[in-house]
Amino acid sequence: MSDGIFIGASVDGTPQTLELKRANRHGLIAGATGTGKTVTLQGIIEGFSANGVPCFVADVKGDLSGLAMAGSPTAKTHATFAERAKAIGDDSWAYADNPVQFWDLFGEQGHPIRTTISEMGPLLLARLMDLNEVQEGVLTIAFHVADKEGLLLIDLDDLQAMLTECAGRADELTVTYGNVSKQSIGAIQRSLLQLRTQGAENFFGEPALEMNDFIGVDDKGRGIVNILAADRLMALPKLYATFLLWLMSELFEHLPEVGDLDKPVLCFFFDEAHLLFDEAPKALLEKIEQVVRLIRSKGVGVYFITQNPIDVPDTVAGQLGNRVQHALRAFTPRDQAAVRSAAETFRANPGVDVATIITELKVGEALVSLLQADGAPTPVERTLIKPPASRVGPITSAERKVMIETDAIGAKYDTLVDRESAEELLAAKTQEASAAAAEAKATTEAEKVAAAQAKADAKAAKEAERARVADRREADRQQREADREAANSPWTKMASSATRAASSSIGRQVANEIGKQVFGTKARRSSSSGGLVGTVLRGVLGGLFRG
């Protein structure tokens, strides 16, 4: 292992070397299309890998997959590369491959890369979706409630189910955590829908990527080159931004503070960076700026590859210490501004007229300024870039398949794991609540039926009692009528008159008899009267005939 990476040689034969100790000061590779940026990038990645530094590169066009295979003497570029190696005095140049791991968020051209909603966290998601302060607060509440109630937030379905749960419990949560409005939840749901339409469901899930699988070396001590298939991804800026936000944040949190090491822990390469910055949301730009400023102390170097140096925002470009500038075309005012900008940002060299040379550079030539061991940039030099050892151009689908199946990762991430999480638990909770409500409703219906039957029975009993009372009254009335009719008949009257007469006569006779007994009478009165019985009989018969 050397102390630096050989980039090429200047016109006077001076080697241009990227110091490993200063490689975490980041860098820029710029130049118009077809000027040799990709070859320069390949050579730098090969140098890092050979020195045991893992790398990550987003492969937008697919041609960086050639890093996995050694170049060939039969390739059409062989003669050019051999001549260039001889010109710069690179006697050790030889074709060689690199240890490569292929990744793809869609799982088609490499191992899937996934993370969970919980690992992404509410802050990054809120920034990514451009949520306002109120909406970010509601999202944070949803995460807090999920954590408190043991509900795992793994994928977008889990988060959407959790937000629906919070909407249903808005009044309860508002009292405990502050205002939770259904309008804010609706806005968050719409933002999540935008992520879903760009394929974010492929990114959120398990098994989640472990950083140790991303940062490693092979059995020869060479750094693993992680190549992300980004050709399809670049057409989905929201998803690409989501991935980059998570990856850089995860690295920043995962890696310890190490200060200045002898070599970087990891080097990031963003190919076609102008596409990234053109489409990136503000949150991503802020995160990139933060990472570029602070991740150096984590031992990570970040390199941008773009067509025009002014494609990179000034806040980021100011942190890029190592620079390789290929030819620019000054055909438009913007191109001319880029030429002036490049000329002003290099450390001046009296023997190099940057503004003139930058438009005259040949393919494979570049203006190079690298940080020295003491941290100062070298004066800009016109440099012939060394040829790559790996294949220039993409590998075949069959070769890629073999690489994927035989790398150290294996099938660890290839199968999606859908374990029980918030969506399933909340669905079960809803189902249980529905069943309980149905049971309660059934019980209530039974009680209603029983109450109605009791009411009907009571009404029937009341009606029966009324009928019984009416029947009794009717019977009494009929009895009274019968009694009146019987009392008004002739025979009844005759019997009644006779009875009255007899009663009157008997009364008189009884009174006379009592008087005789009390006061005394003559015997003739007794005999002449015919006796008490005769008198009564006469009185009764007389009454009957009179009546």
Protein backbone atom coordinates (compact mmCIF):
# COMPACT_ATOMS: atom_id res chain seq x y z
CA MET A 1 0.00 0.00 0.00
CA SER A 2 1.34 3.45 -0.95
CA ASP A 3 0.68 6.77 0.77
CA GLY A 4 -1.30 8.09 -2.17
CA ILE A 5 -3.15 7.38 -5.37
CA PHE A 6 -1.32 8.04 -8.62
CA ILE A 7 -3.55 10.23 -10.80
CA GLY A 8 -1.20 10.92 -13.71
CA ALA A 9 1.83 12.95 -14.67
CA SER A 10 2.18 16.59 -15.59
CA VAL A 11 3.75 17.81 -18.83
CA ASP A 12 7.18 17.88 -17.23
CA GLY A 13 6.71 14.33 -15.89
CA THR A 14 5.89 15.30 -12.28
CA PRO A 15 3.60 12.66 -10.70
CA GLN A 16 0.26 13.96 -9.49
CA THR A 17 -0.70 12.00 -6.39
CA LEU A 18 -3.84 12.14 -4.27
CA GLU A 19 -2.67 11.94 -0.65
CA LEU A 20 -4.66 9.32 1.29
CA LYS A 21 -4.38 11.44 4.45
CA ARG A 22 -6.11 14.29 2.61
CA ALA A 23 -8.60 12.20 0.68
CA ASN A 24 -11.30 12.95 3.23
CA ARG A 25 -11.12 16.64 2.20
CA HIS A 26 -13.43 15.70 -0.68
CA GLY A 27 -13.05 16.41 -4.36
CA LEU A 28 -14.46 17.36 -7.74
CA ILE A 29 -14.07 15.79 -11.19
CA ALA A 30 -15.57 18.00 -13.89
CA GLY A 31 -15.55 18.23 -17.65
CA ALA A 32 -17.69 18.22 -20.75
CA THR A 33 -19.16 15.02 -22.13
CA GLY A 34 -16.56 12.74 -23.71
CA THR A 35 -13.51 14.36 -22.17
CA GLY A 36 -12.53 11.38 -20.00
CA LYS A 37 -14.25 11.95 -16.63
CA THR A 38 -15.37 8.34 -16.31
CA VAL A 39 -11.88 6.98 -16.95
CA THR A 40 -10.47 9.36 -14.34
CA LEU A 41 -13.14 8.27 -11.89
CA GLN A 42 -12.39 4.60 -12.52
CA GLY A 43 -8.70 5.13 -11.91
CA ILE A 44 -9.30 6.95 -8.60
CA ILE A 45 -11.74 4.28 -7.36
CA GLU A 46 -9.23 1.57 -8.33
CA GLY A 47 -6.58 3.41 -6.32
CA PHE A 48 -8.77 3.65 -3.25
CA SER A 49 -9.77 -0.01 -3.47
CA ALA A 50 -6.15 -1.14 -3.88
CA ASN A 51 -5.30 0.79 -0.69
CA GLY A 52 -8.07 -0.89 1.29
CA VAL A 53 -10.59 1.99 1.17
CA PRO A 54 -14.21 0.93 0.49
CA CYS A 55 -16.09 3.08 -2.01
CA PHE A 56 -19.66 3.86 -2.97
CA VAL A 57 -20.58 5.11 -6.42
CA ALA A 58 -23.94 5.87 -7.99
CA ASP A 59 -23.74 4.49 -11.54
CA VAL A 60 -26.06 6.63 -13.62
CA LYS A 61 -25.13 5.39 -17.10
CA GLY A 62 -24.23 1.81 -16.19
CA ASP A 63 -20.66 2.00 -17.50
CA LEU A 64 -19.03 1.96 -14.05
CA SER A 65 -20.03 -1.69 -13.69
CA GLY A 66 -16.85 -2.39 -15.68
CA LEU A 67 -14.92 -1.92 -12.41
CA ALA A 68 -15.86 -5.52 -11.62
CA MET A 69 -13.89 -6.94 -14.57
CA ALA A 70 -10.29 -6.60 -15.65
CA GLY A 71 -9.60 -4.77 -18.89
CA SER A 72 -8.59 -6.75 -21.95
CA PRO A 73 -5.71 -6.44 -24.44
CA THR A 74 -8.29 -7.10 -27.15
CA ALA A 75 -10.36 -4.06 -26.25
CA LYS A 76 -10.32 -1.22 -28.75
CA THR A 77 -8.99 1.15 -26.08
CA HIS A 78 -5.95 -1.04 -25.31
CA ALA A 79 -3.51 0.64 -27.68
CA THR A 80 -4.44 4.12 -26.45
CA PHE A 81 -4.12 3.13 -22.81
CA ALA A 82 -0.82 1.34 -23.31
CA GLU A 83 0.62 4.38 -25.07
CA ARG A 84 -0.60 6.67 -22.30
CA ALA A 85 0.89 4.48 -19.56
CA LYS A 86 4.23 4.59 -21.36
CA ALA A 87 4.01 8.36 -21.78
CA ILE A 88 3.58 8.97 -18.07
CA GLY A 89 6.12 6.35 -17.06
CA ASP A 90 3.63 4.01 -15.39
CA ASP A 91 5.56 0.77 -15.76
CA SER A 92 3.35 -1.05 -13.24
CA TRP A 93 0.18 -0.57 -15.24
CA ALA A 94 -1.65 -3.86 -15.85
CA TYR A 95 -5.24 -4.95 -16.20
CA ALA A 96 -6.98 -5.99 -12.97
CA ASP A 97 -10.45 -6.30 -11.53
CA ASN A 98 -11.87 -4.93 -8.29
CA PRO A 99 -14.04 -6.48 -5.56
CA VAL A 100 -17.52 -5.20 -6.39
CA GLN A 101 -20.95 -5.44 -4.79
CA PHE A 102 -23.92 -4.43 -6.91
CA TRP A 103 -26.94 -2.73 -5.34
CA ASP A 104 -30.29 -1.67 -6.73
CA LEU A 105 -33.24 -0.16 -4.89
CA PHE A 106 -35.53 -2.11 -7.22
CA GLY A 107 -33.64 -5.38 -6.74
CA GLU A 108 -33.16 -5.90 -10.49
CA GLN A 109 -29.48 -5.12 -11.13
CA GLY A 110 -28.15 -5.79 -7.66
CA HIS A 111 -29.01 -6.55 -4.06
CA PRO A 112 -31.95 -4.54 -2.74
CA ILE A 113 -31.17 -1.69 -0.37
CA ARG A 114 -33.81 -1.22 2.27
CA THR A 115 -34.33 0.62 5.50
CA THR A 116 -37.27 0.99 7.85
CA ILE A 117 -39.46 3.99 8.45
CA SER A 118 -38.31 4.00 12.08
CA GLU A 119 -34.65 4.18 11.05
CA MET A 120 -35.40 7.02 8.67
CA GLY A 121 -37.08 8.92 11.50
CA PRO A 122 -39.61 11.76 11.48
CA LEU A 123 -37.07 14.55 11.01
CA LEU A 124 -35.60 13.26 7.74
CA LEU A 125 -39.01 12.29 6.39
CA ALA A 126 -40.42 15.70 7.23
CA ARG A 127 -37.53 17.45 5.45
CA LEU A 128 -37.81 15.17 2.48
CA MET A 129 -41.56 15.76 2.10
CA ASP A 130 -41.23 19.53 2.68
CA LEU A 131 -43.63 19.42 5.62
CA ASN A 132 -44.30 22.61 7.52
CA GLU A 133 -43.67 22.94 11.24
CA VAL A 134 -47.17 21.89 12.26
CA GLN A 135 -47.17 18.83 9.97
CA GLU A 136 -43.71 17.85 11.17
CA GLY A 137 -45.02 18.01 14.74
CA VAL A 138 -47.93 15.71 13.90
CA LEU A 139 -45.56 13.25 12.20
CA THR A 140 -43.35 13.27 15.28
CA ILE A 141 -46.38 12.52 17.47
CA ALA A 142 -47.26 9.57 15.23
CA PHE A 143 -43.73 8.17 15.66
CA HIS A 144 -43.85 8.73 19.43
CA VAL A 145 -47.22 6.99 19.83
CA ALA A 146 -46.03 4.06 17.71
CA ASP A 147 -42.90 3.71 19.83
CA LYS A 148 -44.85 3.99 23.10
CA GLU A 149 -47.40 1.37 22.05
CA GLY A 150 -44.86 -1.05 20.59
CA LEU A 151 -45.95 -0.61 16.96
CA LEU A 152 -43.09 -1.16 14.53
CA LEU A 153 -42.95 1.28 11.62
CA ILE A 154 -41.21 -0.69 8.89
CA ASP A 155 -42.73 0.31 5.56
CA LEU A 156 -45.02 2.95 4.09
CA ASP A 157 -48.11 0.85 4.85
CA ASP A 158 -47.19 0.92 8.54
CA LEU A 159 -46.78 4.68 8.57
CA GLN A 160 -50.02 5.28 6.71
CA ALA A 161 -51.87 2.94 9.06
CA MET A 162 -50.36 4.78 12.04
CA LEU A 163 -51.43 8.15 10.67
CA THR A 164 -54.96 6.83 10.16
CA GLU A 165 -54.95 5.61 13.77
CA CYS A 166 -53.85 9.06 14.96
CA ALA A 167 -56.62 10.68 12.94
CA GLY A 168 -59.16 8.44 14.64
CA ARG A 169 -57.73 9.33 18.05
CA ALA A 170 -57.17 13.02 17.30
CA ASP A 171 -59.15 14.30 20.29
CA GLU A 172 -57.34 11.98 22.72
CA LEU A 173 -53.87 12.74 21.33
CA THR A 174 -54.52 16.49 21.20
CA VAL A 175 -55.10 16.54 24.96
CA THR A 176 -51.85 14.66 25.62
CA TYR A 177 -49.42 15.89 22.97
CA GLY A 178 -50.87 19.02 21.42
CA ASN A 179 -53.00 19.75 18.40
CA VAL A 180 -53.40 16.77 16.03
CA SER A 181 -55.59 17.90 13.16
CA LYS A 182 -56.99 15.66 10.48
CA GLN A 183 -56.03 18.30 7.91
CA SER A 184 -52.33 17.96 8.81
CA ILE A 185 -52.56 14.18 8.70
CA GLY A 186 -54.20 14.40 5.29
CA ALA A 187 -51.36 16.57 3.99
CA ILE A 188 -48.78 14.06 5.25
CA GLN A 189 -50.67 11.20 3.64
CA ARG A 190 -50.63 13.01 0.28
CA SER A 191 -46.87 13.51 0.54
CA LEU A 192 -46.43 9.82 1.29
CA LEU A 193 -48.52 9.01 -1.76
CA GLN A 194 -46.07 10.97 -3.89
CA LEU A 195 -43.21 8.91 -2.49
CA ARG A 196 -45.14 5.72 -3.17
CA THR A 197 -45.81 6.65 -6.79
CA GLN A 198 -42.04 7.02 -7.30
CA GLY A 199 -41.37 3.54 -5.97
CA ALA A 200 -40.46 4.30 -2.36
CA GLU A 201 -42.18 1.09 -1.24
CA ASN A 202 -39.13 -0.68 -2.69
CA PHE A 203 -36.85 1.22 -0.33
CA PHE A 204 -38.76 0.88 2.95
CA GLY A 205 -38.82 -2.65 4.33
CA GLU A 206 -36.72 -5.42 5.81
CA PRO A 207 -34.09 -6.73 5.99
CA ALA A 208 -32.52 -3.29 6.42
CA LEU A 209 -29.02 -2.63 5.18
CA GLU A 210 -26.27 -3.06 7.76
CA MET A 211 -23.49 -0.54 7.38
CA ASN A 212 -20.87 -3.20 8.11
CA ASP A 213 -21.86 -4.86 4.82
CA PHE A 214 -21.34 -1.57 3.07
CA ILE A 215 -17.93 -0.82 4.52
CA GLY A 216 -15.52 -3.69 4.21
CA VAL A 217 -12.57 -5.28 2.44
CA ASP A 218 -12.11 -8.56 0.62
CA ASP A 219 -9.77 -11.39 1.56
CA LYS A 220 -6.90 -9.58 -0.18
CA GLY A 221 -7.40 -6.43 1.82
CA ARG A 222 -8.88 -4.50 -1.11
CA GLY A 223 -11.69 -2.09 -0.37
CA ILE A 224 -15.15 -3.20 -1.54
CA VAL A 225 -16.55 -1.08 -4.36
CA ASN A 226 -20.30 -0.69 -3.87
CA ILE A 227 -22.00 0.21 -7.15
CA LEU A 228 -25.59 1.45 -7.04
CA ALA A 229 -27.57 1.00 -10.26
CA ALA A 230 -28.95 4.53 -10.64
CA ASP A 231 -30.01 4.62 -14.29
CA ARG A 232 -33.67 4.10 -13.38
CA LEU A 233 -33.36 5.82 -10.04
CA MET A 234 -32.31 9.17 -11.50
CA ALA A 235 -35.72 9.45 -13.19
CA LEU A 236 -37.29 9.35 -9.71
CA PRO A 237 -35.78 12.32 -7.88
CA LYS A 238 -37.91 11.93 -4.75
CA LEU A 239 -36.79 8.35 -4.26
CA TYR A 240 -33.17 9.16 -5.09
CA ALA A 241 -33.23 12.03 -2.60
CA THR A 242 -34.81 9.75 0.01
CA PHE A 243 -32.06 7.19 -0.42
CA LEU A 244 -29.22 9.71 -0.31
CA LEU A 245 -30.66 11.48 2.72
CA TRP A 246 -30.88 8.21 4.59
CA LEU A 247 -27.47 6.87 3.50
CA MET A 248 -25.52 9.97 4.42
CA SER A 249 -27.38 10.43 7.69
CA GLU A 250 -26.92 6.77 8.57
CA LEU A 251 -23.20 6.95 7.87
CA PHE A 252 -22.90 10.14 9.87
CA GLU A 253 -24.63 8.54 12.87
CA HIS A 254 -23.06 5.10 12.47
CA LEU A 255 -19.42 6.10 12.14
CA PRO A 256 -17.47 7.35 15.15
CA GLU A 257 -15.40 10.53 15.25
CA VAL A 258 -11.89 9.60 14.11
CA GLY A 259 -10.32 12.86 13.03
CA ASP A 260 -7.57 12.57 10.43
CA LEU A 261 -6.66 8.98 9.66
CA ASP A 262 -3.94 7.63 7.40
CA LYS A 263 -6.65 6.83 4.87
CA PRO A 264 -10.42 7.32 4.62
CA VAL A 265 -12.93 4.88 6.09
CA LEU A 266 -15.13 5.27 3.01
CA CYS A 267 -15.27 7.41 -0.12
CA PHE A 268 -18.51 8.55 -1.79
CA PHE A 269 -18.69 9.26 -5.52
CA PHE A 270 -21.72 11.00 -7.04
CA ASP A 271 -21.51 10.57 -10.81
CA GLU A 272 -23.51 13.01 -12.97
CA ALA A 273 -23.93 15.22 -9.88
CA HIS A 274 -25.59 17.94 -11.95
CA LEU A 275 -28.65 15.67 -12.20
CA LEU A 276 -28.67 15.37 -8.44
CA PHE A 277 -28.48 19.09 -7.77
CA ASP A 278 -30.94 20.01 -10.50
CA GLU A 279 -33.70 17.85 -9.00
CA ALA A 280 -32.77 17.79 -5.33
CA PRO A 281 -35.20 19.26 -2.79
CA LYS A 282 -33.90 21.93 -0.46
CA ALA A 283 -33.68 19.44 2.42
CA LEU A 284 -31.27 17.25 0.44
CA LEU A 285 -29.06 20.18 -0.50
CA GLU A 286 -28.88 21.23 3.14
CA LYS A 287 -28.05 17.69 4.17
CA ILE A 288 -25.32 17.35 1.53
CA GLU A 289 -23.80 20.63 2.68
CA GLN A 290 -23.91 19.47 6.28
CA VAL A 291 -22.35 16.13 5.41
CA VAL A 292 -19.60 17.69 3.32
CA ARG A 293 -18.74 20.06 6.15
CA LEU A 294 -18.87 17.57 9.02
CA ILE A 295 -18.36 14.03 7.76
CA ARG A 296 -14.66 14.60 7.18
CA SER A 297 -14.13 13.97 10.89
CA LYS A 298 -15.82 10.58 10.42
CA GLY A 299 -13.12 9.59 7.94
CA VAL A 300 -15.38 9.85 4.86
CA GLY A 301 -14.46 11.55 1.61
CA VAL A 302 -17.13 12.84 -0.81
CA TYR A 303 -16.41 13.32 -4.53
CA PHE A 304 -18.69 14.89 -7.14
CA ILE A 305 -18.45 14.13 -10.85
CA THR A 306 -20.25 16.60 -13.10
CA GLN A 307 -20.04 18.24 -16.51
CA ASN A 308 -19.70 21.82 -15.32
CA PRO A 309 -18.03 22.97 -12.10
CA ILE A 310 -20.73 25.56 -11.50
CA ASP A 311 -23.31 22.75 -11.32
CA VAL A 312 -22.19 22.24 -7.72
CA PRO A 313 -23.59 24.84 -5.29
CA ASP A 314 -21.01 27.24 -3.90
CA THR A 315 -21.65 26.10 -0.33
CA VAL A 316 -20.58 22.60 -1.36
CA ALA A 317 -17.91 23.48 -3.92
CA GLY A 318 -16.01 25.53 -1.36
CA GLN A 319 -15.34 22.34 0.62
CA LEU A 320 -13.86 20.36 -2.29
CA GLY A 321 -10.07 20.41 -1.90
CA ASN A 322 -8.99 17.89 -4.57
CA ARG A 323 -9.86 18.93 -8.13
CA VAL A 324 -9.54 17.36 -11.55
CA GLN A 325 -10.84 19.55 -14.35
CA HIS A 326 -11.23 18.12 -17.85
CA ALA A 327 -11.93 20.22 -20.92
CA LEU A 328 -14.82 22.68 -21.02
CA ARG A 329 -16.55 24.07 -24.10
CA ALA A 330 -16.95 27.83 -24.03
CA PHE A 331 -19.74 28.02 -26.60
CA THR A 332 -22.35 29.69 -24.41
CA PRO A 333 -22.28 32.47 -21.82
CA ARG A 334 -22.80 29.86 -19.12
CA ASP A 335 -19.85 27.83 -20.42
CA GLN A 336 -17.68 30.95 -20.46
CA ALA A 337 -18.71 31.68 -16.86
CA ALA A 338 -17.69 28.13 -15.95
CA VAL A 339 -14.28 28.64 -17.54
CA ARG A 340 -13.71 31.83 -15.56
CA SER A 341 -14.91 30.14 -12.38
CA ALA A 342 -12.54 27.19 -12.87
CA ALA A 343 -9.62 29.48 -13.61
CA GLU A 344 -10.26 31.49 -10.45
CA THR A 345 -10.66 28.52 -8.11
CA PHE A 346 -7.39 26.74 -8.93
CA ARG A 347 -4.21 27.66 -7.17
CA ALA A 348 -2.35 29.72 -9.73
CA ASN A 349 0.63 28.39 -11.65
CA PRO A 350 2.69 30.94 -13.61
CA GLY A 351 3.31 28.39 -16.32
CA VAL A 352 -0.34 27.43 -16.81
CA ASP A 353 -2.93 29.74 -18.36
CA VAL A 354 -6.02 27.97 -17.07
CA ALA A 355 -8.56 30.07 -18.96
CA THR A 356 -6.87 29.21 -22.24
CA ILE A 357 -5.77 25.64 -21.63
CA ILE A 358 -9.10 24.49 -20.19
CA THR A 359 -10.71 24.73 -23.62
CA GLU A 360 -7.74 23.07 -25.38
CA LEU A 361 -7.39 19.92 -23.25
CA LYS A 362 -7.41 16.63 -25.15
CA VAL A 363 -9.32 13.51 -24.13
CA GLY A 364 -7.52 12.04 -21.14
CA GLU A 365 -5.92 15.34 -20.15
CA ALA A 366 -6.99 17.46 -17.19
CA LEU A 367 -6.02 20.36 -15.01
CA VAL A 368 -5.18 18.88 -11.61
CA SER A 369 -4.74 20.44 -8.18
CA LEU A 370 -4.52 18.13 -5.16
CA LEU A 371 -4.04 18.71 -1.46
CA GLN A 372 -0.51 18.11 -0.25
CA ALA A 373 0.46 16.41 2.98
CA ASP A 374 0.46 19.78 4.77
CA GLY A 375 -3.09 20.50 3.54
CA ALA A 376 -2.15 23.14 0.96
CA PRO A 377 -3.31 22.65 -2.65
CA THR A 378 -0.68 22.10 -5.29
CA PRO A 379 -0.41 24.64 -8.09
CA VAL A 380 -2.59 23.61 -11.00
CA GLU A 381 -0.86 21.36 -13.53
CA ARG A 382 -1.83 20.14 -16.96
CA THR A 383 -1.86 16.39 -16.44
CA LEU A 384 -2.14 13.27 -18.58
CA ILE A 385 -4.44 10.93 -16.61
CA LYS A 386 -3.33 7.33 -16.07
CA PRO A 387 -5.31 4.60 -17.84
CA PRO A 388 -7.65 2.36 -15.82
CA ALA A 389 -6.87 -1.28 -15.06
CA SER A 390 -10.49 -2.41 -15.18
CA ARG A 391 -12.84 -2.65 -18.13
CA VAL A 392 -14.05 0.56 -19.69
CA GLY A 393 -17.77 0.20 -20.33
CA PRO A 394 -20.56 -1.88 -18.81
CA ILE A 395 -20.44 -5.59 -18.10
CA THR A 396 -23.01 -7.98 -19.56
CA SER A 397 -26.17 -9.07 -17.76
CA ALA A 398 -24.77 -12.59 -17.40
CA GLU A 399 -21.55 -11.27 -15.85
CA ARG A 400 -23.52 -9.07 -13.48
CA LYS A 401 -25.66 -12.02 -12.41
CA VAL A 402 -22.60 -14.10 -11.59
CA MET A 403 -21.11 -11.23 -9.59
CA ILE A 404 -24.30 -10.80 -7.59
CA GLU A 405 -24.62 -14.50 -6.82
CA THR A 406 -20.99 -14.98 -5.78
CA ASP A 407 -20.22 -11.87 -3.73
CA ALA A 408 -19.86 -11.85 0.03
CA ILE A 409 -23.42 -10.59 0.61
CA GLY A 410 -25.06 -13.64 -0.92
CA ALA A 411 -28.84 -13.76 -0.57
CA LYS A 412 -28.92 -11.87 2.72
CA TYR A 413 -31.02 -9.00 1.39
CA ASP A 414 -32.66 -10.59 -1.63
CA THR A 415 -35.87 -11.81 0.03
CA LEU A 416 -38.28 -9.28 1.50
CA VAL A 417 -39.30 -10.05 5.08
CA ASP A 418 -42.82 -8.92 5.97
CA ARG A 419 -43.08 -9.46 9.70
CA GLU A 420 -45.89 -8.32 11.99
CA SER A 421 -45.73 -4.58 12.38
CA ALA A 422 -47.96 -1.55 12.88
CA GLU A 423 -50.23 -2.22 9.91
CA GLU A 424 -51.03 -5.79 10.96
CA LEU A 425 -51.41 -4.93 14.64
CA LEU A 426 -53.70 -1.99 13.96
CA ALA A 427 -55.73 -4.05 11.50
CA ALA A 428 -56.14 -6.76 14.16
CA LYS A 429 -57.13 -4.11 16.68
CA THR A 430 -59.73 -2.71 14.30
CA GLN A 431 -61.06 -6.20 13.60
CA GLU A 432 -61.35 -6.95 17.32
CA ALA A 433 -63.16 -3.67 17.90
CA SER A 434 -65.57 -4.45 15.05
CA ALA A 435 -66.24 -7.92 16.44
CA ALA A 436 -66.85 -6.50 19.92
CA ALA A 437 -69.19 -3.86 18.49
CA ALA A 438 -71.07 -6.52 16.53
CA GLU A 439 -71.39 -8.65 19.65
CA ALA A 440 -72.58 -5.68 21.70
CA LYS A 441 -75.04 -4.80 18.96
CA ALA A 442 -76.33 -8.38 18.89
CA THR A 443 -76.77 -8.33 22.70
CA THR A 444 -78.57 -5.02 22.49
CA GLU A 445 -80.86 -6.34 19.78
CA ALA A 446 -81.70 -9.37 21.93
CA GLU A 447 -82.43 -7.10 24.86
CA LYS A 448 -84.63 -4.97 22.64
CA VAL A 449 -86.55 -8.05 21.51
CA ALA A 450 -86.96 -9.25 25.10
CA ALA A 451 -88.12 -5.82 26.22
CA ALA A 452 -90.59 -5.61 23.36
CA GLN A 453 -91.94 -9.06 24.22
CA ALA A 454 -92.28 -8.11 27.88
CA LYS A 455 -94.08 -4.94 26.86
CA ALA A 456 -96.41 -6.94 24.62
CA ASP A 457 -97.06 -9.47 27.40
CA ALA A 458 -97.81 -6.67 29.87
CA LYS A 459 -100.16 -5.06 27.39
CA ALA A 460 -101.89 -8.38 26.77
CA ALA A 461 -102.27 -8.98 30.53
CA LYS A 462 -103.67 -5.49 30.97
CA GLU A 463 -106.15 -6.05 28.14
CA ALA A 464 -107.13 -9.42 29.68
CA GLU A 465 -107.71 -7.75 33.05
CA ARG A 466 -109.80 -5.06 31.43
CA ALA A 467 -111.86 -7.73 29.66
CA ARG A 468 -112.32 -9.65 32.94
CA VAL A 469 -113.46 -6.53 34.77
CA ALA A 470 -115.80 -5.66 31.92
CA ASP A 471 -117.21 -9.18 31.93
CA ARG A 472 -117.75 -8.99 35.69
CA ARG A 473 -119.47 -5.63 35.40
CA GLU A 474 -121.63 -6.95 32.61
CA ALA A 475 -122.56 -9.96 34.73
CA ASP A 476 -123.43 -7.70 37.67
CA ARG A 477 -125.49 -5.48 35.40
CA GLN A 478 -127.33 -8.43 33.97
CA GLN A 479 -127.99 -9.70 37.50
CA ARG A 480 -129.36 -6.34 38.51
CA GLU A 481 -131.56 -6.29 35.43
CA ALA A 482 -132.79 -9.77 36.21
CA ASP A 483 -133.49 -8.77 39.79
CA ARG A 484 -135.44 -5.69 38.68
CA GLU A 485 -137.49 -7.73 36.21
CA ALA A 486 -138.25 -10.33 38.84
CA ALA A 487 -139.23 -7.63 41.33
CA ASN A 488 -141.70 -6.04 38.89
CA SER A 489 -143.63 -9.28 37.94
CA PRO A 490 -147.42 -9.64 39.09
CA TRP A 491 -146.78 -12.71 41.15
CA THR A 492 -143.97 -11.04 42.96
CA LYS A 493 -146.20 -8.04 43.69
CA MET A 494 -149.00 -10.29 44.92
CA ALA A 495 -146.67 -12.18 47.17
CA SER A 496 -145.20 -8.98 48.43
CA SER A 497 -148.65 -7.45 49.17
CA ALA A 498 -149.82 -10.57 50.89
CA THR A 499 -146.72 -10.69 52.86
CA ARG A 500 -147.19 -7.07 53.89
CA ALA A 501 -150.81 -7.64 54.84
CA ALA A 502 -150.02 -10.74 56.68
CA SER A 503 -147.23 -9.05 58.41
CA SER A 504 -149.58 -6.20 59.41
CA SER A 505 -152.34 -8.57 60.65
CA ILE A 506 -149.93 -10.79 62.45
CA GLY A 507 -148.47 -7.74 64.03
CA ARG A 508 -151.82 -6.64 65.26
CA GLN A 509 -152.72 -10.06 66.54
CA VAL A 510 -149.37 -10.41 68.24
CA ALA A 511 -149.80 -7.02 69.83
CA ASN A 512 -153.31 -7.95 71.04
CA GLU A 513 -152.09 -11.17 72.43
CA ILE A 514 -149.28 -9.43 74.20
CA GLY A 515 -151.76 -6.86 75.58
CA LYS A 516 -154.04 -9.59 76.85
CA GLN A 517 -151.19 -11.28 78.52
CA VAL A 518 -149.98 -8.11 80.09
CA PHE A 519 -153.29 -6.37 81.00
CA GLY A 520 -155.63 -9.33 81.09
CA THR A 521 -158.94 -10.01 78.99
CA LYS A 522 -162.13 -11.81 79.16
CA ALA A 523 -162.43 -15.35 78.08
CA ARG A 524 -165.24 -14.52 75.67
CA ARG A 525 -162.98 -12.32 73.65
CA SER A 526 -160.67 -15.16 73.26
CA SER A 527 -163.24 -17.55 72.11
CA SER A 528 -165.11 -15.14 69.86
CA SER A 529 -162.03 -14.12 67.96
CA GLY A 530 -161.35 -17.65 66.61
CA GLY A 531 -157.74 -17.72 67.80
CA LEU A 532 -154.48 -16.31 66.47
CA VAL A 533 -153.93 -18.81 63.62
CA GLY A 534 -157.32 -18.30 62.13
CA THR A 535 -156.91 -14.60 62.19
CA VAL A 536 -153.56 -14.84 60.33
CA LEU A 537 -154.96 -17.14 57.66
CA ARG A 538 -157.88 -14.84 57.05
CA GLY A 539 -155.66 -11.86 56.77
CA VAL A 540 -153.40 -13.57 54.20
CA LEU A 541 -156.23 -14.84 52.04
CA GLY A 542 -157.97 -11.48 52.18
CA GLY A 543 -154.80 -9.76 51.05
CA LEU A 544 -154.37 -12.13 48.12
CA PHE A 545 -157.90 -11.56 46.83
CA ARG A 546 -157.61 -7.80 47.22
CA GLY A 547 -154.36 -7.67 45.52
